[in-house]
Amino acid sequence: MHLVGVGGAGVSVVARLLAARGADVQGSDATAGPALEALRADGVRVWVGHDAAHVVGPDGAPLVDTVVVSSAVRDTNPELAAARAAGIRVLHRSQALASLMLGRRAVAVAGAHGKTTTSAMVATVLRACGVDASFAIGGTVRVRDAEGREGAVPGGHLGASDVLVAEADESDGSFLNYAPTVAVVTNVEPDHLDHYGSREAFEQAFEEFAGRIAEGGTLVACADDAGSATLAAAHRTAGGAVVTYGEAAGADVRVRDVVVGPGTVSAVVSGGLLGDASRELRLDVPGAHNALNATAAVVTAVLLGAEPGAAVRGAASFVGTGRRFEPKGEADGVRVFDSYDHHPTEVEALLRAARPVAGDGRIVVLFQPHLYSRTRIFADRFAAALALADEVVVTGVYRAREDVDPSVGPHTITDLLERTSSGGGVRAIEDRLEAAHVASALARPGDLVLTVGAGDVTELGPVVLADLAARGSGVASPPAAAPDETMG
C-alpha cells in the first residue's frame, strides 16, 4: 500500500496502523520532517517528494496494490495520476481506516471542535480501565508513566483489545465512511462551508453520520451544544439509542460545579449510566470545555464495559495531546505554548483556558488564519475571540488546499479588531517569521505567548523561544513594530 502525503497527521496514523497489522506499507511526502523519521522507525518505507515511479514501473505496470490519499491530494499529483492510469485501486484515507475497523468495536469521535482531545481522552480512560484500545488520532497523545514522567506517543496505536478509537473528520464528509459502535458528537457548529456550501448541508451530514451507527450502537452527544442536542433528539425520535451529557438540565449525564484552575479543571458528574452517585472528575489540563470532553470519554468507556467509578478516575491520567495548549518551553520568564485551534469558538475557548494559567501575566497571541474561506466567513468572530488576548499578532493565511485569494489576509481580521478589549495592540504582519519576532519582542517576563492555528505556525514556537533566550542573555532581538505601522 502506498500512502500519498504520508507525513500528514491523518495519513500517518493510518500508515502506522496498517504497518502494525502486517501490511507492506510505503509512502511519500512533499517535505522531510520528524513524522517521516518516526514512520521509518515503524517499518514504513518513505520518500521525500512525489514521483510516479513510486507506484508504477518504467513500463507503467503497477508496483503497488493500493494507493491511499487524503482530500488534500489534488488530481494532478503524479502518484495519484499514475495510479489511476494503471488501474491501481485508490482509497481515501477514511476508507482505509474504515477497513481497519472491520471486526472491531469502533468509536468515532466527530464535531467541529474537540475531536482530537476527546478521542485521546477515550483511549486514555479505556487504558486506565484495563482496555488496550487501538487508536487513530490526528495528533500525538501525551502520556504520564507510573513514575510521573511525561512523554508523547504517536497518534496511531494498534492495541490488544477489539476496540478502535478514531477521530472522525467531518471537513470533507469522509466521516460518512464509518459505521461505529459508539459515535461521539461534541458539537455541530457549522464549519468547512467551503465544502458543504451551507449550514443545512453541514447539519445534514451529521444526521447521516448518526444514521450510520452500527446496529445496537449508541450516539453520545453534548446537550450543551444546540446542534448536537438537536441531532440527539432527532436520532432518539428515530429509535436510536442516545446518551447526552453536559451542564444542560435535560442531559442524561449531568456535569456540575465546574472549577477551572491554573492548568486544571474539575467537575462533578452523575446521572444516566453513571448512576445517581456524584463523582468528582479531575483533569490536569485547563479549560471548562475539557470537563465536557472528559465526560464524553467517560460515558463512552462505560458503554464499552468500563465500571463508572474507574472510568471517572481514569480521566485523571489524561495529560493532553500534541498542539492542544501544548507547552513548548520557557525563556526569559516567558512561557510559550502551541495550539491547533483554528475556528473562532476554539480560539475563544483556548484564550479563556489560558487566562488562569497566565495569572498576573499577559497573553500574547500569534495567530495564523487557516483557509481563506474560513477567514472571510468568520472574520468578525475571530476578531471577537482574539480580543480576549492582551497583545495580538495576526500573520498570513495558511491556504492549505485552497488557491490564493489576494482579497483576504491578516488585515481581514485586524481591521475588525483594532485594539484588544484589554487595551493592547493589534498587528497584521504577512510574513510569519517577522510576526514571530514581533510576538517575542512584545512578551514580558511573566507573560504567555501562544502560537495558534492549524498551519505551519507550529514551527514558530522555537523561533519565539530563541528570541527570548537571546534577549535573556543580553543579545538584542528584533524590535516590535508599532501598531500603526502594520495595521491592514
Protein backbone atom coordinates (compact mmCIF):
# COMPACT_ATOMS: atom_id res chain seq x y z
CA MET A 1 0.00 0.00 0.00
CA HIS A 2 1.33 3.42 -0.95
CA LEU A 3 0.14 6.47 1.01
CA VAL A 4 0.44 9.89 -0.59
CA GLY A 5 1.21 12.67 1.90
CA VAL A 6 2.21 10.07 4.46
CA GLY A 7 3.66 12.65 6.84
CA GLY A 8 0.29 14.32 7.39
CA ALA A 9 -1.45 13.93 10.74
CA GLY A 10 -4.37 11.90 9.40
CA VAL A 11 -2.48 9.78 6.87
CA SER A 12 0.48 8.93 9.08
CA VAL A 13 -1.70 7.26 11.73
CA VAL A 14 -3.31 5.07 9.08
CA ALA A 15 0.15 4.11 7.77
CA ARG A 16 1.25 3.22 11.28
CA LEU A 17 -1.81 1.06 11.94
CA LEU A 18 -1.57 -0.71 8.58
CA ALA A 19 2.11 -1.48 9.18
CA ALA A 20 1.36 -2.77 12.68
CA ARG A 21 -1.30 -5.08 11.20
CA GLY A 22 1.38 -6.56 8.92
CA ALA A 23 0.68 -4.76 5.65
CA ASP A 24 3.55 -3.84 3.34
CA VAL A 25 3.38 -0.03 3.63
CA GLN A 26 5.24 2.74 1.87
CA GLY A 27 4.55 6.42 1.28
CA SER A 28 5.79 9.80 0.16
CA ASP A 29 5.53 13.37 1.33
CA ALA A 30 6.49 16.72 -0.14
CA THR A 31 8.85 17.59 2.72
CA ALA A 32 11.02 15.83 5.27
CA GLY A 33 10.35 16.05 8.98
CA PRO A 34 10.10 14.19 12.29
CA ALA A 35 6.90 12.42 11.21
CA LEU A 36 8.73 10.67 8.39
CA GLU A 37 11.57 9.58 10.64
CA ALA A 38 9.06 8.13 13.10
CA LEU A 39 7.36 6.21 10.30
CA ARG A 40 10.68 4.81 9.10
CA ALA A 41 11.32 3.61 12.66
CA ASP A 42 7.98 1.78 12.47
CA GLY A 43 8.99 -0.03 9.30
CA VAL A 44 7.33 2.19 6.68
CA ARG A 45 9.35 2.96 3.54
CA VAL A 46 9.22 6.68 2.96
CA TRP A 47 10.37 9.01 0.18
CA VAL A 48 10.60 12.79 0.22
CA GLY A 49 8.98 14.06 -2.96
CA HIS A 50 6.17 12.66 -5.09
CA ASP A 51 7.13 10.57 -8.13
CA ALA A 52 5.08 8.26 -10.36
CA ALA A 53 7.99 5.78 -10.14
CA HIS A 54 6.94 5.05 -6.56
CA VAL A 55 3.74 3.35 -7.77
CA VAL A 56 4.39 2.20 -11.37
CA GLY A 57 7.36 0.79 -13.20
CA PRO A 58 9.05 2.23 -16.34
CA ASP A 59 6.53 0.29 -18.45
CA GLY A 60 3.58 1.68 -16.47
CA ALA A 61 2.94 -1.64 -14.70
CA PRO A 62 1.68 -1.37 -11.09
CA LEU A 63 4.23 -1.70 -8.30
CA VAL A 64 1.64 -1.46 -5.52
CA ASP A 65 -1.84 -2.87 -4.93
CA THR A 66 -3.45 0.20 -3.40
CA VAL A 67 -2.83 3.95 -3.23
CA VAL A 68 -4.26 5.87 -0.26
CA VAL A 69 -4.88 9.61 -0.46
CA SER A 70 -6.43 12.36 1.62
CA SER A 71 -8.68 15.17 0.39
CA ALA A 72 -5.61 17.43 0.32
CA VAL A 73 -4.10 15.44 -2.58
CA ARG A 74 -5.00 17.01 -5.90
CA ASP A 75 -5.78 15.11 -9.09
CA THR A 76 -2.56 16.47 -10.62
CA ASN A 77 -0.38 14.65 -8.07
CA PRO A 78 1.92 12.43 -10.20
CA GLU A 79 1.46 9.38 -7.99
CA LEU A 80 -2.33 9.62 -7.94
CA ALA A 81 -2.46 10.26 -11.69
CA ALA A 82 -0.17 7.29 -12.40
CA ALA A 83 -2.19 5.01 -10.12
CA ARG A 84 -5.41 5.84 -11.92
CA ALA A 85 -3.83 5.39 -15.34
CA ALA A 86 -2.53 1.96 -14.30
CA GLY A 87 -5.85 0.88 -12.82
CA ILE A 88 -4.49 0.68 -9.26
CA ARG A 89 -7.14 0.77 -6.54
CA VAL A 90 -7.33 4.23 -4.95
CA LEU A 91 -8.79 4.64 -1.46
CA HIS A 92 -9.47 7.74 0.58
CA ARG A 93 -7.70 7.76 3.93
CA SER A 94 -11.04 7.31 5.69
CA GLN A 95 -11.82 4.21 3.61
CA ALA A 96 -8.52 2.66 4.62
CA LEU A 97 -9.27 3.47 8.26
CA ALA A 98 -12.79 2.04 7.91
CA SER A 99 -11.24 -1.24 6.74
CA LEU A 100 -9.24 -1.35 9.97
CA MET A 101 -12.49 -1.04 11.93
CA LEU A 102 -13.92 -4.27 10.50
CA GLY A 103 -14.49 -6.85 13.22
CA ARG A 104 -13.84 -4.30 15.98
CA ARG A 105 -15.96 -2.18 18.28
CA ALA A 106 -15.30 1.21 16.77
CA VAL A 107 -15.60 4.58 18.45
CA ALA A 108 -15.80 7.52 16.05
CA VAL A 109 -15.49 10.99 17.56
CA ALA A 110 -16.90 13.82 15.45
CA GLY A 111 -17.62 17.52 15.87
CA ALA A 112 -16.33 20.84 14.64
CA HIS A 113 -14.22 21.17 17.80
CA GLY A 114 -12.71 18.81 20.35
CA LYS A 115 -12.28 15.68 18.21
CA THR A 116 -8.58 15.13 18.85
CA THR A 117 -8.72 15.81 22.57
CA THR A 118 -11.86 13.75 23.15
CA SER A 119 -10.52 10.82 21.08
CA ALA A 120 -7.31 10.85 23.11
CA MET A 121 -9.33 11.03 26.33
CA VAL A 122 -11.40 8.00 25.30
CA ALA A 123 -8.25 5.98 24.62
CA THR A 124 -6.67 7.16 27.88
CA VAL A 125 -9.72 6.35 30.01
CA LEU A 126 -10.03 2.91 28.42
CA ARG A 127 -6.37 2.19 29.09
CA ALA A 128 -6.81 3.23 32.74
CA CYS A 129 -9.68 0.73 32.90
CA GLY A 130 -7.53 -2.07 31.51
CA VAL A 131 -8.58 -1.88 27.85
CA ASP A 132 -5.70 -1.51 25.39
CA ALA A 133 -7.61 0.18 22.58
CA SER A 134 -6.24 0.83 19.13
CA PHE A 135 -6.49 4.47 18.15
CA ALA A 136 -6.16 6.71 15.12
CA ILE A 137 -5.86 10.29 16.31
CA GLY A 138 -4.65 13.32 14.36
CA GLY A 139 -2.04 14.32 16.90
CA THR A 140 0.41 12.89 19.39
CA VAL A 141 -1.01 11.71 22.70
CA ARG A 142 0.82 12.96 25.76
CA VAL A 143 1.16 10.34 28.47
CA ARG A 144 2.39 10.05 32.05
CA ASP A 145 4.06 6.86 33.29
CA ALA A 146 3.86 5.30 36.75
CA GLU A 147 6.80 7.41 37.94
CA GLY A 148 5.09 10.62 36.86
CA ARG A 149 7.32 11.23 33.84
CA GLU A 150 5.59 12.73 30.84
CA GLY A 151 6.16 11.84 27.21
CA ALA A 152 4.30 11.50 23.94
CA VAL A 153 3.24 8.62 21.72
CA PRO A 154 2.19 8.86 18.06
CA GLY A 155 -1.48 9.19 17.22
CA GLY A 156 -1.59 5.70 15.67
CA HIS A 157 -1.51 2.69 18.00
CA LEU A 158 -2.51 -0.94 17.47
CA GLY A 159 -3.90 -2.23 20.75
CA ALA A 160 -4.53 -5.75 22.00
CA SER A 161 -8.29 -5.29 22.51
CA ASP A 162 -11.14 -5.29 20.00
CA VAL A 163 -11.76 -1.53 20.42
CA LEU A 164 -10.57 1.07 17.90
CA VAL A 165 -10.96 4.78 18.67
CA ALA A 166 -10.88 7.09 15.66
CA GLU A 167 -11.04 10.83 15.19
CA ALA A 168 -13.78 11.22 12.56
CA ASP A 169 -13.08 14.11 10.21
CA GLU A 170 -16.18 15.92 9.00
CA SER A 171 -14.30 18.54 6.97
CA ASP A 172 -14.74 16.68 3.67
CA GLY A 173 -17.63 14.39 4.56
CA SER A 174 -15.31 11.40 4.86
CA PHE A 175 -16.65 10.52 8.33
CA LEU A 176 -19.60 9.02 6.47
CA ASN A 177 -17.39 6.04 5.60
CA TYR A 178 -17.53 4.80 9.21
CA ALA A 179 -20.13 2.58 10.90
CA PRO A 180 -19.16 2.93 14.59
CA THR A 181 -20.44 1.12 17.64
CA VAL A 182 -20.27 4.41 19.54
CA ALA A 183 -20.47 7.75 17.75
CA VAL A 184 -19.48 10.75 19.85
CA VAL A 185 -20.59 14.20 18.66
CA THR A 186 -19.05 17.02 20.67
CA ASN A 187 -20.84 19.78 18.72
CA VAL A 188 -22.48 20.54 15.39
CA GLU A 189 -21.31 24.10 14.85
CA PRO A 190 -21.10 24.94 11.14
CA ASP A 191 -17.59 24.94 9.67
CA HIS A 192 -15.97 23.83 6.41
CA LEU A 193 -18.57 25.72 4.44
CA ASP A 194 -16.12 25.74 1.53
CA HIS A 195 -17.00 22.05 1.20
CA TYR A 196 -20.64 21.95 2.36
CA GLY A 197 -21.85 25.27 1.00
CA SER A 198 -24.48 25.86 3.69
CA ARG A 199 -25.31 25.29 7.34
CA GLU A 200 -28.13 22.96 6.33
CA ALA A 201 -25.81 20.71 4.32
CA PHE A 202 -23.31 20.61 7.21
CA GLU A 203 -26.02 19.59 9.68
CA GLN A 204 -27.42 17.02 7.25
CA ALA A 205 -24.01 15.34 7.12
CA PHE A 206 -24.11 14.82 10.89
CA GLU A 207 -27.60 13.32 10.62
CA GLU A 208 -26.22 10.86 8.07
CA PHE A 209 -23.27 10.14 10.36
CA ALA A 210 -25.62 9.26 13.23
CA GLY A 211 -27.62 7.13 10.83
CA ARG A 212 -24.53 5.03 10.13
CA ILE A 213 -24.14 3.86 13.74
CA ALA A 214 -23.98 0.07 13.81
CA GLU A 215 -26.99 -1.92 14.97
CA GLY A 216 -27.07 -1.90 18.76
CA GLY A 217 -24.74 1.10 18.89
CA THR A 218 -25.15 4.43 20.66
CA LEU A 219 -24.91 8.14 19.89
CA VAL A 220 -23.15 10.13 22.63
CA ALA A 221 -23.96 13.81 22.18
CA CYS A 222 -23.31 17.06 24.05
CA ALA A 223 -26.53 18.57 25.35
CA ASP A 224 -24.93 22.00 25.78
CA ASP A 225 -24.45 22.50 22.04
CA ALA A 226 -27.66 23.39 20.19
CA GLY A 227 -26.73 21.50 17.03
CA SER A 228 -25.64 18.38 18.91
CA ALA A 229 -28.76 18.47 21.09
CA THR A 230 -30.99 18.74 18.02
CA LEU A 231 -29.17 15.80 16.44
CA ALA A 232 -29.63 13.72 19.61
CA ALA A 233 -33.36 14.46 19.76
CA ALA A 234 -33.86 13.51 16.11
CA HIS A 235 -31.86 10.28 16.49
CA ARG A 236 -33.82 9.32 19.60
CA THR A 237 -37.12 10.02 17.84
CA ALA A 238 -35.99 7.75 15.01
CA GLY A 239 -35.49 4.94 17.54
CA GLY A 240 -31.74 5.23 18.01
CA ALA A 241 -30.00 4.81 21.36
CA VAL A 242 -28.71 8.12 22.72
CA VAL A 243 -26.79 9.29 25.79
CA THR A 244 -26.48 13.06 26.22
CA TYR A 245 -24.06 14.80 28.56
CA GLY A 246 -23.47 18.35 29.71
CA GLU A 247 -24.49 21.08 32.11
CA ALA A 248 -27.92 21.41 30.49
CA ALA A 249 -30.77 20.41 32.78
CA GLY A 250 -32.05 17.76 30.40
CA ALA A 251 -28.72 15.95 29.93
CA ASP A 252 -28.71 12.24 30.76
CA VAL A 253 -25.29 12.61 32.41
CA ARG A 254 -25.06 15.93 34.23
CA VAL A 255 -21.88 17.97 34.60
CA ARG A 256 -21.98 20.37 37.57
CA ASP A 257 -19.75 22.57 39.69
CA VAL A 258 -17.06 23.09 37.05
CA VAL A 259 -13.98 24.72 38.58
CA VAL A 260 -11.13 25.92 36.36
CA GLY A 261 -7.71 26.38 37.93
CA PRO A 262 -4.29 27.33 36.55
CA GLY A 263 -3.76 24.25 34.40
CA THR A 264 -6.54 22.12 35.90
CA VAL A 265 -10.29 21.64 35.75
CA SER A 266 -12.65 19.69 37.97
CA ALA A 267 -16.37 18.92 37.90
CA VAL A 268 -19.00 16.68 39.43
CA VAL A 269 -20.70 14.15 37.15
CA SER A 270 -23.74 11.98 37.80
CA GLY A 271 -26.88 10.51 36.28
CA GLY A 272 -27.74 8.21 33.44
CA LEU A 273 -25.47 5.21 33.01
CA LEU A 274 -23.09 6.69 35.67
CA GLY A 275 -25.76 6.21 38.33
CA ASP A 276 -27.05 8.63 40.95
CA ALA A 277 -23.80 8.88 42.88
CA SER A 278 -21.97 12.18 42.40
CA ARG A 279 -18.41 11.55 41.25
CA GLU A 280 -15.61 14.11 41.08
CA LEU A 281 -13.89 14.41 37.72
CA ARG A 282 -10.39 15.87 37.88
CA LEU A 283 -8.11 16.78 34.98
CA ASP A 284 -4.58 18.15 34.74
CA VAL A 285 -5.46 20.20 31.65
CA PRO A 286 -7.05 23.67 31.63
CA GLY A 287 -10.38 24.82 30.24
CA ALA A 288 -14.02 24.29 31.21
CA HIS A 289 -14.64 22.72 27.81
CA ASN A 290 -12.36 19.84 28.76
CA ALA A 291 -14.74 18.84 31.57
CA LEU A 292 -17.32 18.19 28.84
CA ASN A 293 -14.84 16.35 26.62
CA ALA A 294 -13.77 14.14 29.51
CA THR A 295 -17.38 13.35 30.38
CA ALA A 296 -17.94 12.19 26.82
CA ALA A 297 -14.90 9.94 27.17
CA VAL A 298 -16.15 8.51 30.48
CA VAL A 299 -19.60 7.81 29.03
CA THR A 300 -18.04 6.07 26.02
CA ALA A 301 -15.82 3.90 28.21
CA VAL A 302 -18.83 2.84 30.31
CA LEU A 303 -20.81 1.97 27.17
CA LEU A 304 -17.90 -0.30 26.22
CA GLY A 305 -18.00 -2.09 29.57
CA ALA A 306 -15.92 0.01 31.98
CA GLU A 307 -17.04 0.47 35.57
CA PRO A 308 -18.27 4.08 36.08
CA GLY A 309 -16.08 4.87 39.07
CA ALA A 310 -12.96 3.52 37.36
CA ALA A 311 -13.77 5.47 34.20
CA VAL A 312 -14.13 8.75 36.09
CA ARG A 313 -10.89 8.14 37.96
CA GLY A 314 -9.18 7.17 34.73
CA ALA A 315 -9.78 10.63 33.26
CA ALA A 316 -7.22 11.99 35.73
CA SER A 317 -4.46 10.17 33.83
CA PHE A 318 -5.04 12.29 30.72
CA VAL A 319 -2.16 14.73 30.18
CA GLY A 320 -3.09 16.24 26.82
CA THR A 321 -2.44 15.95 23.10
CA GLY A 322 0.11 17.49 20.81
CA ARG A 323 -0.69 21.01 19.63
CA ARG A 324 -3.57 21.48 22.11
CA PHE A 325 -2.29 24.12 24.54
CA GLU A 326 0.97 22.20 24.41
CA PRO A 327 3.85 23.69 26.43
CA LYS A 328 6.88 24.30 24.20
CA GLY A 329 9.28 25.83 26.69
CA GLU A 330 10.18 28.89 28.73
CA ALA A 331 12.80 31.59 28.24
CA ASP A 332 13.44 34.97 29.86
CA GLY A 333 10.48 34.38 32.18
CA VAL A 334 8.03 33.86 29.29
CA ARG A 335 6.17 30.58 28.77
CA VAL A 336 5.40 29.53 25.18
CA PHE A 337 2.50 27.26 24.20
CA ASP A 338 1.34 25.94 20.84
CA SER A 339 -2.28 25.19 19.95
CA TYR A 340 -4.03 23.90 16.82
CA ASP A 341 -7.21 25.96 17.31
CA HIS A 342 -8.41 27.42 14.02
CA HIS A 343 -12.14 28.13 14.47
CA PRO A 344 -13.41 31.17 16.43
CA THR A 345 -15.10 29.00 19.06
CA GLU A 346 -11.87 27.10 19.60
CA VAL A 347 -9.79 30.28 19.83
CA GLU A 348 -12.18 31.72 22.40
CA ALA A 349 -12.08 28.52 24.49
CA LEU A 350 -8.27 28.50 24.30
CA LEU A 351 -7.91 32.08 25.49
CA ARG A 352 -10.39 31.59 28.33
CA ALA A 353 -8.44 28.50 29.40
CA ALA A 354 -5.15 30.41 29.15
CA ARG A 355 -6.24 33.31 31.37
CA PRO A 356 -5.93 31.49 34.73
CA VAL A 357 -2.68 29.90 33.54
CA ALA A 358 -1.27 33.36 32.79
CA GLY A 359 -2.12 34.59 36.28
CA ASP A 360 -0.80 38.15 36.60
CA GLY A 361 0.96 37.92 33.25
CA ARG A 362 -0.39 38.92 29.87
CA ILE A 363 -1.42 36.74 26.93
CA VAL A 364 0.38 37.42 23.63
CA VAL A 365 -1.22 35.60 20.69
CA LEU A 366 0.46 34.87 17.38
CA PHE A 367 -2.45 33.72 15.23
CA GLN A 368 -2.25 32.21 11.74
CA PRO A 369 -5.65 32.04 9.98
CA HIS A 370 -6.33 28.72 8.26
CA LEU A 371 -8.05 28.82 4.85
CA TYR A 372 -9.10 31.97 3.00
CA SER A 373 -12.75 30.90 3.03
CA ARG A 374 -12.85 30.36 6.80
CA THR A 375 -11.06 33.67 7.42
CA ARG A 376 -13.54 35.55 5.25
CA ILE A 377 -16.65 33.84 6.66
CA PHE A 378 -15.70 34.12 10.34
CA ALA A 379 -13.60 37.31 10.37
CA ASP A 380 -15.86 39.13 12.84
CA ARG A 381 -15.96 36.14 15.18
CA PHE A 382 -12.17 35.73 15.03
CA ALA A 383 -11.85 39.40 15.97
CA ALA A 384 -14.18 38.95 18.95
CA ALA A 385 -12.28 35.88 20.16
CA LEU A 386 -8.83 37.42 19.78
CA ALA A 387 -9.98 40.48 21.72
CA LEU A 388 -9.66 38.28 24.83
CA ALA A 389 -5.86 38.44 24.48
CA ASP A 390 -3.65 41.31 25.64
CA GLU A 391 -1.48 41.55 22.52
CA VAL A 392 -2.41 40.14 19.11
CA VAL A 393 -0.23 39.45 16.08
CA VAL A 394 -2.03 38.01 13.04
CA THR A 395 0.11 36.60 10.26
CA GLY A 396 -0.59 35.49 6.69
CA VAL A 397 -3.31 32.96 5.87
CA TYR A 398 -2.29 29.30 5.61
CA ARG A 399 -4.02 28.35 2.39
CA ALA A 400 -3.83 24.54 2.77
CA ARG A 401 -5.97 23.10 -0.03
CA GLU A 402 -7.24 26.45 -1.34
CA ASP A 403 -5.93 28.72 -4.07
CA VAL A 404 -4.60 32.12 -3.01
CA ASP A 405 -7.26 34.80 -2.50
CA PRO A 406 -5.46 38.17 -2.53
CA SER A 407 -8.51 39.92 -1.08
CA VAL A 408 -8.16 38.01 2.21
CA GLY A 409 -5.24 38.36 4.62
CA PRO A 410 -4.40 39.11 8.25
CA HIS A 411 -5.93 42.56 7.82
CA THR A 412 -9.31 40.89 7.21
CA ILE A 413 -9.35 40.15 10.93
CA THR A 414 -7.30 43.02 12.37
CA ASP A 415 -9.36 45.68 10.59
CA LEU A 416 -12.28 44.48 12.71
CA LEU A 417 -10.22 44.15 15.87
CA GLU A 418 -8.30 47.44 16.08
CA ARG A 419 -7.41 47.08 19.75
CA THR A 420 -7.97 44.24 22.20
CA SER A 421 -10.52 44.52 24.98
CA SER A 422 -7.63 44.88 27.44
CA GLY A 423 -6.21 47.83 25.54
CA GLY A 424 -3.31 46.01 23.95
CA GLY A 425 -2.03 46.37 20.42
CA VAL A 426 -3.08 44.57 17.26
CA ARG A 427 -0.68 43.88 14.40
CA ALA A 428 -1.21 42.40 10.93
CA ILE A 429 2.10 41.02 9.64
CA GLU A 430 2.05 38.87 6.50
CA ASP A 431 5.49 37.28 6.90
CA ARG A 432 5.31 34.62 9.59
CA LEU A 433 8.95 34.86 10.71
CA GLU A 434 8.65 38.61 11.12
CA ALA A 435 5.43 38.03 13.04
CA ALA A 436 7.22 35.60 15.37
CA HIS A 437 9.98 38.13 16.08
CA VAL A 438 7.37 40.78 16.85
CA ALA A 439 5.47 38.48 19.20
CA SER A 440 8.62 37.61 21.14
CA ALA A 441 9.60 41.27 21.41
CA LEU A 442 6.16 42.12 22.83
CA ALA A 443 6.37 39.48 25.57
CA ARG A 444 7.49 40.46 29.07
CA PRO A 445 8.63 38.20 31.91
CA GLY A 446 5.54 36.51 33.36
CA ASP A 447 3.62 36.56 30.07
CA LEU A 448 2.36 33.67 27.95
CA VAL A 449 2.96 33.51 24.19
CA LEU A 450 0.54 31.33 22.25
CA THR A 451 1.22 30.25 18.67
CA VAL A 452 -2.24 29.42 17.35
CA GLY A 453 -3.55 27.87 14.13
CA ALA A 454 -3.74 24.66 12.11
CA GLY A 455 -0.93 25.54 9.68
CA ASP A 456 2.83 25.87 9.97
CA VAL A 457 2.56 28.42 12.77
CA THR A 458 3.52 25.46 14.95
CA GLU A 459 7.10 25.95 13.69
CA LEU A 460 7.28 29.43 15.21
CA GLY A 461 7.35 28.43 18.88
CA PRO A 462 11.08 27.61 18.68
CA VAL A 463 11.68 30.94 16.90
CA VAL A 464 9.98 32.81 19.73
CA LEU A 465 11.90 30.82 22.36
CA ALA A 466 15.21 31.53 20.60
CA ASP A 467 14.44 35.26 20.54
CA LEU A 468 13.53 35.21 24.22
CA ALA A 469 16.64 33.23 25.16
CA ALA A 470 18.81 35.69 23.22
CA ARG A 471 17.14 38.61 24.96
CA GLY A 472 17.64 36.98 28.34
CA SER A 473 21.33 36.60 27.63
CA GLY A 474 21.63 40.25 26.61
CA VAL A 475 21.52 39.80 22.83
CA ALA A 476 19.19 42.28 21.15
CA SER A 477 16.10 40.80 19.45
CA PRO A 478 14.20 42.34 16.53
CA PRO A 479 12.04 45.31 17.63
CA ALA A 480 8.27 45.04 17.69
CA ALA A 481 6.53 47.06 15.02
CA ALA A 482 4.21 49.79 16.18
CA PRO A 483 0.50 49.04 15.65
CA ASP A 484 0.01 51.88 13.18
CA GLU A 485 2.87 50.60 11.04
CA THR A 486 1.30 47.18 10.45
CA MET A 487 -2.46 47.58 10.61
CA GLY A 488 -4.10 46.32 7.43
